[in-house]
PDB file of N, CA and C in Angstrom:
ATOM      1  N   MET A   1     112.184  87.165  95.035  1.00  0.00           N
ATOM      2  CA  MET A   1     111.007  86.688  94.359  1.00  0.00           C
ATOM      3  C   MET A   1     110.745  87.542  93.132  1.00  0.00           C
ATOM      4  N   SER A   2     110.451  86.916  92.047  1.00  0.00           N
ATOM      5  CA  SER A   2     110.089  87.656  90.855  1.00  0.00           C
ATOM      6  C   SER A   2     109.065  86.860  90.071  1.00  0.00           C
ATOM      7  N   SER A   3     108.568  87.474  89.010  1.00  0.00           N
ATOM      8  CA  SER A   3     107.519  86.827  88.229  1.00  0.00           C
ATOM      9  C   SER A   3     108.048  85.612  87.469  1.00  0.00           C
ATOM     10  N   GLU A   4     109.389  85.495  87.308  1.00  0.00           N
ATOM     11  CA  GLU A   4     109.925  84.330  86.615  1.00  0.00           C
ATOM     12  C   GLU A   4     109.763  83.059  87.445  1.00  0.00           C
ATOM     13  N   GLU A   5     109.733  83.208  88.776  1.00  0.00           N
ATOM     14  CA  GLU A   5     109.639  82.043  89.645  1.00  0.00           C
ATOM     15  C   GLU A   5     108.250  81.429  89.630  1.00  0.00           C
ATOM     16  N   GLY A   6     107.257  82.188  89.286  1.00  0.00           N
ATOM     17  CA  GLY A   6     105.894  81.691  89.241  1.00  0.00           C
ATOM     18  C   GLY A   6     104.934  82.847  89.129  1.00  0.00           C
ATOM     19  N   LYS A   7     103.760  82.536  88.611  1.00  0.00           N
ATOM     20  CA  LYS A   7     102.763  83.599  88.462  1.00  0.00           C
ATOM     21  C   LYS A   7     102.098  83.859  89.806  1.00  0.00           C
ATOM     22  N   PRO A   8     101.780  85.127  90.060  1.00  0.00           N
ATOM     23  CA  PRO A   8     101.098  85.439  91.320  1.00  0.00           C
ATOM     24  C   PRO A   8      99.684  84.876  91.338  1.00  0.00           C
ATOM     25  N   VAL A   9      99.265  84.423  92.504  1.00  0.00           N
ATOM     26  CA  VAL A   9      97.911  83.900  92.699  1.00  0.00           C
ATOM     27  C   VAL A   9      96.924  85.061  92.805  1.00  0.00           C
ATOM     28  N   LEU A  10      97.380  86.171  93.376  1.00  0.00           N
ATOM     29  CA  LEU A  10      96.516  87.305  93.638  1.00  0.00           C
ATOM     30  C   LEU A  10      97.315  88.596  93.476  1.00  0.00           C
ATOM     31  N   GLU A  11      96.716  89.604  92.828  1.00  0.00           N
ATOM     32  CA  GLU A  11      97.325  90.923  92.713  1.00  0.00           C
ATOM     33  C   GLU A  11      96.295  91.956  93.133  1.00  0.00           C
ATOM     34  N   ARG A  12      96.698  92.864  94.024  1.00  0.00           N
ATOM     35  CA  ARG A  12      95.801  93.920  94.474  1.00  0.00           C
ATOM     36  C   ARG A  12      96.573  95.224  94.608  1.00  0.00           C
ATOM     37  N   GLU A  13      95.874  96.325  94.360  1.00  0.00           N
ATOM     38  CA  GLU A  13      96.445  97.646  94.592  1.00  0.00           C
ATOM     39  C   GLU A  13      95.881  98.181  95.898  1.00  0.00           C
ATOM     40  N   TYR A  14      96.752  98.771  96.698  1.00  0.00           N
ATOM     41  CA  TYR A  14      96.331  99.376  97.957  1.00  0.00           C
ATOM     42  C   TYR A  14      96.909 100.778  98.056  1.00  0.00           C
ATOM     43  N   VAL A  15      96.173 101.660  98.720  1.00  0.00           N
ATOM     44  CA  VAL A  15      96.694 102.950  99.149  1.00  0.00           C
ATOM     45  C   VAL A  15      96.884 102.794 100.648  1.00  0.00           C
ATOM     46  N   ILE A  16      98.134 102.755 101.080  1.00  0.00           N
ATOM     47  CA  ILE A  16      98.439 102.466 102.474  1.00  0.00           C
ATOM     48  C   ILE A  16      98.740 103.772 103.204  1.00  0.00           C
ATOM     49  N   PRO A  17      97.972 104.094 104.245  1.00  0.00           N
ATOM     50  CA  PRO A  17      98.245 105.311 105.009  1.00  0.00           C
ATOM     51  C   PRO A  17      99.434 105.102 105.934  1.00  0.00           C
ATOM     52  N   LEU A  18     100.411 105.981 105.846  1.00  0.00           N
ATOM     53  CA  LEU A  18     101.601 105.900 106.682  1.00  0.00           C
ATOM     54  C   LEU A  18     101.683 107.065 107.660  1.00  0.00           C
ATOM     55  N   ALA A  19     100.610 107.825 107.789  1.00  0.00           N
ATOM     56  CA  ALA A  19     100.622 109.020 108.636  1.00  0.00           C
ATOM     57  C   ALA A  19     100.874 108.693 110.105  1.00  0.00           C
ATOM     58  N   ASP A  20     100.522 107.492 110.545  1.00  0.00           N
ATOM     59  CA  ASP A  20     100.764 107.119 111.942  1.00  0.00           C
ATOM     60  C   ASP A  20     102.254 107.066 112.264  1.00  0.00           C
ATOM     61  N   ALA A  21     103.096 106.987 111.260  1.00  0.00           N
ATOM     62  CA  ALA A  21     104.539 107.008 111.496  1.00  0.00           C
ATOM     63  C   ALA A  21     104.972 108.337 112.095  1.00  0.00           C
ATOM     64  N   TYR A  22     104.188 109.380 111.867  1.00  0.00           N
ATOM     65  CA  TYR A  22     104.529 110.698 112.400  1.00  0.00           C
ATOM     66  C   TYR A  22     104.265 110.810 113.903  1.00  0.00           C
ATOM     67  N   ARG A  23     103.682 109.786 114.501  1.00  0.00           N
ATOM     68  CA  ARG A  23     103.538 109.743 115.957  1.00  0.00           C
ATOM     69  C   ARG A  23     104.834 109.302 116.617  1.00  0.00           C
ATOM     70  N   ALA A  24     105.713 108.677 115.854  1.00  0.00           N
ATOM     71  CA  ALA A  24     106.996 108.200 116.368  1.00  0.00           C
ATOM     72  C   ALA A  24     107.980 109.364 116.447  1.00  0.00           C
ATOM     73  N   PRO A  25     109.056 109.195 117.202  1.00  0.00           N
ATOM     74  CA  PRO A  25     110.095 110.228 117.228  1.00  0.00           C
ATOM     75  C   PRO A  25     110.651 110.475 115.826  1.00  0.00           C
ATOM     76  N   ARG A  26     111.116 111.693 115.577  1.00  0.00           N
ATOM     77  CA  ARG A  26     111.565 112.075 114.230  1.00  0.00           C
ATOM     78  C   ARG A  26     112.608 111.140 113.651  1.00  0.00           C
ATOM     79  N   LYS A  27     113.511 110.651 114.462  1.00  0.00           N
ATOM     80  CA  LYS A  27     114.612 109.820 113.969  1.00  0.00           C
ATOM     81  C   LYS A  27     114.222 108.347 113.802  1.00  0.00           C
ATOM     82  N   LYS A  28     112.948 108.027 113.935  1.00  0.00           N
ATOM     83  CA  LYS A  28     112.506 106.633 113.765  1.00  0.00           C
ATOM     84  C   LYS A  28     111.351 106.501 112.783  1.00  0.00           C
ATOM     85  N   ARG A  29     110.928 107.585 112.154  1.00  0.00           N
ATOM     86  CA  ARG A  29     109.697 107.570 111.368  1.00  0.00           C
ATOM     87  C   ARG A  29     109.746 106.661 110.152  1.00  0.00           C
ATOM     88  N   ALA A  30     110.823 106.637 109.390  1.00  0.00           N
ATOM     89  CA  ALA A  30     110.877 105.783 108.198  1.00  0.00           C
ATOM     90  C   ALA A  30     110.861 104.309 108.595  1.00  0.00           C
ATOM     91  N   LYS A  31     111.542 103.973 109.677  1.00  0.00           N
ATOM     92  CA  LYS A  31     111.525 102.589 110.158  1.00  0.00           C
ATOM     93  C   LYS A  31     110.108 102.186 110.555  1.00  0.00           C
ATOM     94  N   VAL A  32     109.415 103.078 111.230  1.00  0.00           N
ATOM     95  CA  VAL A  32     108.037 102.806 111.646  1.00  0.00           C
ATOM     96  C   VAL A  32     107.133 102.699 110.425  1.00  0.00           C
ATOM     97  N   ALA A  33     107.356 103.526 109.404  1.00  0.00           N
ATOM     98  CA  ALA A  33     106.556 103.472 108.176  1.00  0.00           C
ATOM     99  C   ALA A  33     106.712 102.116 107.478  1.00  0.00           C
ATOM    100  N   VAL A  34     107.922 101.588 107.455  1.00  0.00           N
ATOM    101  CA  VAL A  34     108.148 100.261 106.860  1.00  0.00           C
ATOM    102  C   VAL A  34     107.404  99.199 107.658  1.00  0.00           C
ATOM    103  N   ARG A  35     107.432  99.306 108.974  1.00  0.00           N
ATOM    104  CA  ARG A  35     106.721  98.344 109.812  1.00  0.00           C
ATOM    105  C   ARG A  35     105.214  98.440 109.586  1.00  0.00           C
ATOM    106  N   ILE A  36     104.678  99.659 109.486  1.00  0.00           N
ATOM    107  CA  ILE A  36     103.243  99.856 109.230  1.00  0.00           C
ATOM    108  C   ILE A  36     102.856  99.233 107.891  1.00  0.00           C
ATOM    109  N   LEU A  37     103.681  99.448 106.870  1.00  0.00           N
ATOM    110  CA  LEU A  37     103.438  98.871 105.543  1.00  0.00           C
ATOM    111  C   LEU A  37     103.402  97.350 105.614  1.00  0.00           C
ATOM    112  N   ARG A  38     104.386  96.769 106.269  1.00  0.00           N
ATOM    113  CA  ARG A  38     104.482  95.308 106.392  1.00  0.00           C
ATOM    114  C   ARG A  38     103.270  94.739 107.136  1.00  0.00           C
ATOM    115  N   GLU A  39     102.869  95.381 108.235  1.00  0.00           N
ATOM    116  CA  GLU A  39     101.723  94.908 109.019  1.00  0.00           C
ATOM    117  C   GLU A  39     100.417  95.050 108.246  1.00  0.00           C
ATOM    118  N   PHE A  40     100.261  96.150 107.497  1.00  0.00           N
ATOM    119  CA  PHE A  40      99.056  96.371 106.699  1.00  0.00           C
ATOM    120  C   PHE A  40      98.890  95.262 105.659  1.00  0.00           C
ATOM    121  N   VAL A  41      99.964  94.977 104.933  1.00  0.00           N
ATOM    122  CA  VAL A  41      99.898  93.953 103.880  1.00  0.00           C
ATOM    123  C   VAL A  41      99.649  92.577 104.500  1.00  0.00           C
ATOM    124  N   ALA A  42     100.338  92.264 105.577  1.00  0.00           N
ATOM    125  CA  ALA A  42     100.148  90.958 106.226  1.00  0.00           C
ATOM    126  C   ALA A  42      98.703  90.790 106.692  1.00  0.00           C
ATOM    127  N   ARG A  43      98.120  91.851 107.211  1.00  0.00           N
ATOM    128  CA  ARG A  43      96.740  91.785 107.702  1.00  0.00           C
ATOM    129  C   ARG A  43      95.742  91.625 106.558  1.00  0.00           C
ATOM    130  N   HIS A  44      95.958  92.326 105.447  1.00  0.00           N
ATOM    131  CA  HIS A  44      94.975  92.316 104.367  1.00  0.00           C
ATOM    132  C   HIS A  44      95.057  91.108 103.447  1.00  0.00           C
ATOM    133  N   VAL A  45      96.216  90.485 103.332  1.00  0.00           N
ATOM    134  CA  VAL A  45      96.306  89.302 102.468  1.00  0.00           C
ATOM    135  C   VAL A  45      96.580  88.032 103.272  1.00  0.00           C
ATOM    136  N   LYS A  46      96.562  88.163 104.611  1.00  0.00           N
ATOM    137  CA  LYS A  46      96.741  87.020 105.515  1.00  0.00           C
ATOM    138  C   LYS A  46      98.023  86.250 105.195  1.00  0.00           C
ATOM    139  N   ALA A  47      99.128  86.963 105.204  1.00  0.00           N
ATOM    140  CA  ALA A  47     100.416  86.364 104.865  1.00  0.00           C
ATOM    141  C   ALA A  47     101.365  86.433 106.052  1.00  0.00           C
ATOM    142  N   ASP A  48     102.280  85.474 106.108  1.00  0.00           N
ATOM    143  CA  ASP A  48     103.301  85.473 107.147  1.00  0.00           C
ATOM    144  C   ASP A  48     104.564  86.188 106.676  1.00  0.00           C
ATOM    145  N   LEU A  49     104.922  85.999 105.423  1.00  0.00           N
ATOM    146  CA  LEU A  49     106.145  86.562 104.867  1.00  0.00           C
ATOM    147  C   LEU A  49     105.800  87.675 103.886  1.00  0.00           C
ATOM    148  N   VAL A  50     106.288  88.896 104.157  1.00  0.00           N
ATOM    149  CA  VAL A  50     106.049  90.040 103.283  1.00  0.00           C
ATOM    150  C   VAL A  50     107.398  90.592 102.861  1.00  0.00           C
ATOM    151  N   LYS A  51     107.644  90.621 101.553  1.00  0.00           N
ATOM    152  CA  LYS A  51     108.888  91.168 101.024  1.00  0.00           C
ATOM    153  C   LYS A  51     108.580  92.496 100.343  1.00  0.00           C
ATOM    154  N   ILE A  52     109.317  93.516 100.730  1.00  0.00           N
ATOM    155  CA  ILE A  52     109.128  94.850 100.183  1.00  0.00           C
ATOM    156  C   ILE A  52     110.196  95.099  99.135  1.00  0.00           C
ATOM    157  N   SER A  53     109.791  95.526  97.939  1.00  0.00           N
ATOM    158  CA  SER A  53     110.758  95.753  96.864  1.00  0.00           C
ATOM    159  C   SER A  53     111.636  96.960  97.167  1.00  0.00           C
ATOM    160  N   ASP A  54     112.775  97.017  96.493  1.00  0.00           N
ATOM    161  CA  ASP A  54     113.710  98.125  96.680  1.00  0.00           C
ATOM    162  C   ASP A  54     113.072  99.459  96.319  1.00  0.00           C
ATOM    163  N   SER A  55     112.222  99.472  95.289  1.00  0.00           N
ATOM    164  CA  SER A  55     111.619 100.739  94.871  1.00  0.00           C
ATOM    165  C   SER A  55     110.691 101.301  95.951  1.00  0.00           C
ATOM    166  N   VAL A  56     109.939 100.453  96.625  1.00  0.00           N
ATOM    167  CA  VAL A  56     109.060 100.915  97.706  1.00  0.00           C
ATOM    168  C   VAL A  56     109.909 101.405  98.877  1.00  0.00           C
ATOM    169  N   ASN A  57     110.955 100.671  99.198  1.00  0.00           N
ATOM    170  CA  ASN A  57     111.840 101.066 100.282  1.00  0.00           C
ATOM    171  C   ASN A  57     112.494 102.418  99.984  1.00  0.00           C
ATOM    172  N   LYS A  58     112.919 102.623  98.733  1.00  0.00           N
ATOM    173  CA  LYS A  58     113.545 103.894  98.352  1.00  0.00           C
ATOM    174  C   LYS A  58     112.557 105.049  98.431  1.00  0.00           C
ATOM    175  N   ILE A  59     111.289 104.802  98.091  1.00  0.00           N
ATOM    176  CA  ILE A  59     110.269 105.840  98.190  1.00  0.00           C
ATOM    177  C   ILE A  59     110.088 106.249  99.652  1.00  0.00           C
ATOM    178  N   ILE A  60     110.006 105.273 100.540  1.00  0.00           N
ATOM    179  CA  ILE A  60     109.802 105.578 101.954  1.00  0.00           C
ATOM    180  C   ILE A  60     110.988 106.358 102.519  1.00  0.00           C
ATOM    181  N   TRP A  61     112.199 105.980 102.129  1.00  0.00           N
ATOM    182  CA  TRP A  61     113.399 106.610 102.662  1.00  0.00           C
ATOM    183  C   TRP A  61     113.861 107.806 101.829  1.00  0.00           C
ATOM    184  N   SER A  62     113.154 108.170 100.766  1.00  0.00           N
ATOM    185  CA  SER A  62     113.617 109.203  99.831  1.00  0.00           C
ATOM    186  C   SER A  62     113.808 110.576 100.479  1.00  0.00           C
ATOM    187  N   ARG A  63     113.014 110.896 101.478  1.00  0.00           N
ATOM    188  CA  ARG A  63     113.151 112.205 102.136  1.00  0.00           C
ATOM    189  C   ARG A  63     113.754 112.043 103.524  1.00  0.00           C
ATOM    190  N   SER A  64     114.603 111.081 103.682  1.00  0.00           N
ATOM    191  CA  SER A  64     115.339 110.752 104.898  1.00  0.00           C
ATOM    192  C   SER A  64     114.439 110.066 105.925  1.00  0.00           C
ATOM    193  N   ILE A  65     115.018 109.780 107.060  1.00  0.00           N
ATOM    194  CA  ILE A  65     114.312 109.037 108.104  1.00  0.00           C
ATOM    195  C   ILE A  65     113.210 109.872 108.751  1.00  0.00           C
ATOM    196  N   GLU A  66     113.320 111.197 108.670  1.00  0.00           N
ATOM    197  CA  GLU A  66     112.403 112.078 109.399  1.00  0.00           C
ATOM    198  C   GLU A  66     111.080 112.343 108.698  1.00  0.00           C
ATOM    199  N   LYS A  67     111.028 112.238 107.348  1.00  0.00           N
ATOM    200  CA  LYS A  67     109.813 112.641 106.635  1.00  0.00           C
ATOM    201  C   LYS A  67     109.379 111.599 105.598  1.00  0.00           C
ATOM    202  N   PRO A  68     108.893 110.437 106.029  1.00  0.00           N
ATOM    203  CA  PRO A  68     108.375 109.474 105.052  1.00  0.00           C
ATOM    204  C   PRO A  68     107.070 109.995 104.447  1.00  0.00           C
ATOM    205  N   PRO A  69     106.645 109.451 103.302  1.00  0.00           N
ATOM    206  CA  PRO A  69     105.378 109.909 102.702  1.00  0.00           C
ATOM    207  C   PRO A  69     104.191 109.602 103.612  1.00  0.00           C
ATOM    208  N   ARG A  70     103.140 110.391 103.496  1.00  0.00           N
ATOM    209  CA  ARG A  70     101.945 110.193 104.328  1.00  0.00           C
ATOM    210  C   ARG A  70     101.131 108.994 103.874  1.00  0.00           C
ATOM    211  N   ARG A  71     101.204 108.683 102.579  1.00  0.00           N
ATOM    212  CA  ARG A  71     100.518 107.497 102.043  1.00  0.00           C
ATOM    213  C   ARG A  71     101.273 107.042 100.813  1.00  0.00           C
ATOM    214  N   ILE A  72     101.086 105.777 100.452  1.00  0.00           N
ATOM    215  CA  ILE A  72     101.800 105.223  99.309  1.00  0.00           C
ATOM    216  C   ILE A  72     100.878 104.260  98.572  1.00  0.00           C
ATOM    217  N   HIS A  73     100.903 104.327  97.249  1.00  0.00           N
ATOM    218  CA  HIS A  73     100.142 103.401  96.408  1.00  0.00           C
ATOM    219  C   HIS A  73     101.060 102.241  96.066  1.00  0.00           C
ATOM    220  N   VAL A  74     100.634 101.015  96.354  1.00  0.00           N
ATOM    221  CA  VAL A  74     101.471  99.847  96.080  1.00  0.00           C
ATOM    222  C   VAL A  74     100.663  98.762  95.381  1.00  0.00           C
ATOM    223  N   LEU A  75     101.371  97.897  94.701  1.00  0.00           N
ATOM    224  CA  LEU A  75     100.796  96.711  94.081  1.00  0.00           C
ATOM    225  C   LEU A  75     101.278  95.518  94.891  1.00  0.00           C
ATOM    226  N   VAL A  76     100.351  94.741  95.431  1.00  0.00           N
ATOM    227  CA  VAL A  76     100.678  93.596  96.266  1.00  0.00           C
ATOM    228  C   VAL A  76     100.443  92.334  95.450  1.00  0.00           C
ATOM    229  N   LYS A  77     101.466  91.490  95.367  1.00  0.00           N
ATOM    230  CA  LYS A  77     101.359  90.220  94.651  1.00  0.00           C
ATOM    231  C   LYS A  77     101.529  89.080  95.648  1.00  0.00           C
ATOM    232  N   VAL A  78     100.582  88.153  95.624  1.00  0.00           N
ATOM    233  CA  VAL A  78     100.633  86.991  96.506  1.00  0.00           C
ATOM    234  C   VAL A  78     101.023  85.786  95.668  1.00  0.00           C
ATOM    235  N   PHE A  79     102.067  85.080  96.116  1.00  0.00           N
ATOM    236  CA  PHE A  79     102.529  83.882  95.431  1.00  0.00           C
ATOM    237  C   PHE A  79     102.133  82.658  96.244  1.00  0.00           C
ATOM    238  N   GLU A  80     102.019  81.519  95.573  1.00  0.00           N
ATOM    239  CA  GLU A  80     101.489  80.299  96.181  1.00  0.00           C
ATOM    240  C   GLU A  80     102.188  79.941  97.501  1.00  0.00           C
ATOM    241  N   GLU A  81     103.476  79.629  97.467  1.00  0.00           N
ATOM    242  CA  GLU A  81     104.152  79.197  98.688  1.00  0.00           C
ATOM    243  C   GLU A  81     105.327  80.079  99.045  1.00  0.00           C
ATOM    244  N   GLU A  82     105.540  81.114  98.274  1.00  0.00           N
ATOM    245  CA  GLU A  82     106.718  81.949  98.490  1.00  0.00           C
ATOM    246  C   GLU A  82     106.440  83.141  99.378  1.00  0.00           C
ATOM    247  N   GLY A  83     105.207  83.531  99.541  1.00  0.00           N
ATOM    248  CA  GLY A  83     104.882  84.688 100.357  1.00  0.00           C
ATOM    249  C   GLY A  83     104.288  85.815  99.524  1.00  0.00           C
ATOM    250  N   VAL A  84     104.529  87.045  99.962  1.00  0.00           N
ATOM    251  CA  VAL A  84     103.935  88.227  99.346  1.00  0.00           C
ATOM    252  C   VAL A  84     105.036  89.185  98.934  1.00  0.00           C
ATOM    253  N   GLU A  85     104.859  89.818  97.778  1.00  0.00           N
ATOM    254  CA  GLU A  85     105.803  90.818  97.299  1.00  0.00           C
ATOM    255  C   GLU A  85     105.063  92.141  97.130  1.00  0.00           C
ATOM    256  N   VAL A  86     105.670  93.225  97.607  1.00  0.00           N
ATOM    257  CA  VAL A  86     105.058  94.551  97.525  1.00  0.00           C
ATOM    258  C   VAL A  86     105.872  95.383  96.554  1.00  0.00           C
ATOM    259  N   GLU A  87     105.222  95.909  95.510  1.00  0.00           N
ATOM    260  CA  GLU A  87     105.893  96.717  94.503  1.00  0.00           C
ATOM    261  C   GLU A  87     105.255  98.094  94.431  1.00  0.00           C
ATOM    262  N   LYS A  88     106.016  99.047  93.958  1.00  0.00           N
ATOM    263  CA  LYS A  88     105.544 100.428  93.858  1.00  0.00           C
ATOM    264  C   LYS A  88     104.594 100.587  92.680  1.00  0.00           C
ATOM    265  N   VAL A  89     103.519 101.306  92.897  1.00  0.00           N
ATOM    266  CA  VAL A  89     102.649 101.739  91.817  1.00  0.00           C
ATOM    267  C   VAL A  89     102.869 103.229  91.606  1.00  0.00           C
ATOM    268  N   ARG A  90     102.617 104.018  92.640  1.00  0.00           N
ATOM    269  CA  ARG A  90     102.881 105.453  92.606  1.00  0.00           C
ATOM    270  C   ARG A  90     102.752 105.998  94.011  1.00  0.00           C
ATOM    271  N   VAL A  91     103.285 107.174  94.212  1.00  0.00           N
ATOM    272  CA  VAL A  91     103.208 107.818  95.514  1.00  0.00           C
ATOM    273  C   VAL A  91     102.159 108.908  95.432  1.00  0.00           C
ATOM    274  N   ALA A  92     101.423 109.101  96.487  1.00  0.00           N
ATOM    275  CA  ALA A  92     100.290 110.006  96.467  1.00  0.00           C
ATOM    276  C   ALA A  92     100.666 111.480  96.616  1.00  0.00           C
ATOM    277  N   HIS A  93     101.907 111.788  97.013  1.00  0.00           N
ATOM    278  CA  HIS A  93     102.244 113.205  97.151  1.00  0.00           C
ATOM    279  C   HIS A  93     102.716 113.765  95.813  1.00  0.00           C
ATOM    280  N   VAL A  94     102.624 115.060  95.676  1.00  0.00           N
ATOM    281  CA  VAL A  94     103.014 115.739  94.442  1.00  0.00           C
ATOM    282  C   VAL A  94     104.306 116.498  94.707  1.00  0.00           C
ATOM    283  N   ASP A  95     105.312 116.300  93.851  1.00  0.00           N
ATOM    284  CA  ASP A  95     106.563 117.020  93.987  1.00  0.00           C
ATOM    285  C   ASP A  95     106.393 118.424  93.458  1.00  0.00           C
ATOM    286  N   LEU A  96     106.779 119.397  94.242  1.00  0.00           N
ATOM    287  CA  LEU A  96     106.705 120.786  93.822  1.00  0.00           C
ATOM    288  C   LEU A  96     107.932 121.131  92.988  1.00  0.00           C
ATOM    289  N   PRO A  97     107.791 121.984  91.981  1.00  0.00           N
ATOM    290  CA  PRO A  97     108.956 122.356  91.185  1.00  0.00           C
ATOM    291  C   PRO A  97     109.953 123.146  92.019  1.00  0.00           C
ATOM    292  N   LYS A  98     111.236 122.989  91.708  1.00  0.00           N
ATOM    293  CA  LYS A  98     112.281 123.711  92.425  1.00  0.00           C
ATOM    294  C   LYS A  98     112.295 125.161  91.985  1.00  0.00           C
ATOM    295  N   ALA A  99     112.921 126.005  92.773  1.00  0.00           N
ATOM    296  CA  ALA A  99     112.949 127.437  92.508  1.00  0.00           C
ATOM    297  C   ALA A  99     113.585 127.747  91.151  1.00  0.00           C
ATOM    298  N   SER A 100     114.603 126.990  90.756  1.00  0.00           N
ATOM    299  CA  SER A 100     115.264 127.237  89.482  1.00  0.00           C
ATOM    300  C   SER A 100     114.348 126.906  88.297  1.00  0.00           C
ATOM    301  N   GLU A 101     113.449 125.942  88.459  1.00  0.00           N
ATOM    302  CA  GLU A 101     112.523 125.577  87.395  1.00  0.00           C
ATOM    303  C   GLU A 101     111.404 126.601  87.246  1.00  0.00           C
ATOM    304  N   GLU A 102     111.020 127.242  88.369  1.00  0.00           N
ATOM    305  CA  GLU A 102     109.951 128.228  88.323  1.00  0.00           C
ATOM    306  C   GLU A 102     110.390 129.502  87.596  1.00  0.00           C
ATOM    307  N   ALA A 103     111.678 129.841  87.730  1.00  0.00           N
ATOM    308  CA  ALA A 103     112.181 131.076  87.117  1.00  0.00           C
ATOM    309  C   ALA A 103     112.241 131.009  85.605  1.00  0.00           C
ATOM    310  N   SER A 104     112.392 129.830  85.058  1.00  0.00           N
ATOM    311  CA  SER A 104     112.530 129.722  83.591  1.00  0.00           C
ATOM    312  C   SER A 104     111.236 129.631  82.867  1.00  0.00           C
TER     313      SER A 104
END
């Protein structure tokens, strides 16, 4: 789904808490975070089909399966008959500079 196929009927920004994924076993947390994201969007926009963009998926899996982000800012687009698309806006955590960057 993309904007070329049709204009979205509704666009909303959400900050989705993914901290509950940390209740799952370490080797399942990113999978649980994706499920939490999908359920949150389906509940808030009353949709059956939720498609998560590659960029959001990469953000969730960026620190491996064990440490997904605690929350994520996303842009949710609802299309007439195609379903819902979730795109990345920004991530709420701050990346710390690496040791080599601090020395210079």
